[in-house]
Amino acid sequence: MDYLPIFCQLQQKACLLVGGGEVAERKARLLMDAGADITVNAKEFTPQFDLWAKDGKLKQAHGEFSPALLEGVWLVIAATDDENVNDLVFQQASERQIFCNVVDAPKRASFIMPSIIDRSPLMVAVSSGGKSPVLARLLREKLEAILPQHLGQLARLAGDLRQQVKDKFSTITLRRRFWERLFAHDRLAQSLANQDAAMVDKHLTDLFEQPLEQRGEVVLVGAGPGDAGLLTLKGLQQIQQADVVVYDRLVSDDIMNLVRRDAERIFVGKRAGYHCVPQDEINQILLRNARNGKRVVRLKGGDPFIFGRGGEELEVLADDSIAFSVVPGITAASGCSAYSGIPLTHRDYAQSVRLVTGHAKKDTSLDWANLAAEKQTLVFYMGLNQAAEIEAQLIKHGMSKSMPIALVENGTSVQQKVVTGELSALGELALQVESPSLIIVGTVVSLRDKLNWFSAATKK
C-alpha cells in the first residue's frame, strides 16, 4: 500500500492554500465543501477568490509565502506555478509535521488528493498514487455513472432508521433484505429529493408493514435506439440493480452486456425461427416475477411510451397493485435522425414533427390529409411493410412526389444503413432495407449531405 486512504474531518479547522490561480480555485472549492477555515496566500488572485473573500468564505493573505502562515494550520496545499515556492511550502510544512499536498508533484507531497465521488455522507475516493491521474479520473467518471445521485439522502435516512429496523426485524437476513429494498427504492429516493415528507412516510410505512417477500416491483426502462452510449444514466443504474430483465429484440447486445451478471434474462421478442411472445404472456411474466418479490426491469428499445406498448403493460400492473416506475429512453426518431445527419425540425424547412406508427390497430385509419401538410417532418415507425401504401396515400393527398425521404436501418449502431431518395420511390427503396428501420419524410432529409457525421457516405 503506497498510501493510507483516510477521510479528514476539516470542519472549522484552519487550512492554508498557497496560490491564487485557477488550479488553486479547484482546491479551494474542495476545502470549502469540507467546511474548512481557509486562508489563501498569493501575490495575485483570480476574481473568484476576491468574490469568495468578499462573501466571507475564505481569508486572503496577499504577498510572498511566509512560514508564519503555517501557525495553527492542520493541512496545507501548495498550488502555485512556481516550483521553488511549492518546494518551500512543503519543506516548511514537513518541518512542522503538517500534512502538505503539492499539486501535480506527488513525490514532493505528504498526502495526495484523490478523485472524489461525493454522495455525502457516502464518499468514494479513487487514486492512482499520482502515477496516472487521468486513469483515476476515468474510473471516477464510471463510478459517477453507476452511483445514483440520491444515495446520500438514502444513507442519511438509513442512519435515522437503524434502531427501528433492528427492533422490527429479528434476524440479520431480514434486516439485510429490508436495506436492499430501501436502497433500491427509486420512488422513495425521488420523494426525498422533492422534500415530500408525506410520500416519504408513505413509502417507509409500506416498507415496514408489507411482508418482505411480497415487495416486488417493475421498472419500465427505455434502452434507446441501439448505441449503448445512448442508454440513460438512470437506465444503466436500473439494469444493474435488477433481479430479472425482460427484454425484446430491439435491445442491443451492447446494452445487454451492461445488465447485472447474475440477473435472470427473459427474451420476449421476435427473432428468426422464434415467434414473438404474446403480449398477454409478457404481462404474466411481469406479474409473476413481481409477485415473487423480484425487482423486474422491463427493457424496451427506444422509449417505452412511444409505440412501445409500455402504457398497456403498466395498466396491467396497476390493476394488480404492483409497484412500478418508468425510466424514459431516447426514442428511435430522435436517435436515428441525429445519427443520420437529419434534423427533425429546422426553421427553414419544418416547424413540427409527427411520429406515426405504421403498425396501428386494424380499425385505426391515419389522417393522411394532415400528414401530407407542408412544413413538417414525418417519422414512421414499423412502416416498412406499408411503405408503398404510405407513398401512395401521401402523394394522393397532395404531397410532392419529389419530397426527400430516408430509410434508416439499425439506426445509431455500427451497422446503421441509410437509404435516401424521393417519395415516389419509397415503396421500391423499402426493399433495400430490413427491419428494424425508420422512415423519415420531409425536406429536412435534404440536409443529410451536409450534416452527415456518423457514416462515411450517403447512400442513394
Foldseek 3Di string as FASTA:
>chain_A
DLDDDDDDQAAAAEEEEEAADPVSVVVLVVCLVSNHAYEYEEQDHDVVVVVCVVVVSYHYDHDADDLVSCPRHQEYEYEYPDVVSLLVVLVSCVVVVHFYHYPLCLVSGNDYAFDWDDLPVDIDGFDPSSPDNVVRVVVVVVVNLQDDSLQNVLVVVCVVCVVVLCVQDPDPVVSVLLSLCSSVPVVLSVCVVVVPVVVVVVVVCCSRPDPQQQQFAEEEAECEQEPNVQGDSVNLNLQQSFQEEEEEPRYYPVNVVSGNPNHHYHYQYDDVPDDHHDPVVVLVVRVVQNRRNGHYYYYYYAFCVQPNCNVVSVVSCVVVVHHYYYHTGHHPVVQQCLLLQFDQADPVWAPEEDEEELDDPPVDDDPLLVVLDGRGKYKYFPNLVVLVVNLVSSVVNPHDQQWKKKKWASGPDPPIDIAIGGSVCRNVVSVVYDPPIMMMTTNSSVSSQVRNDNDDDYHD
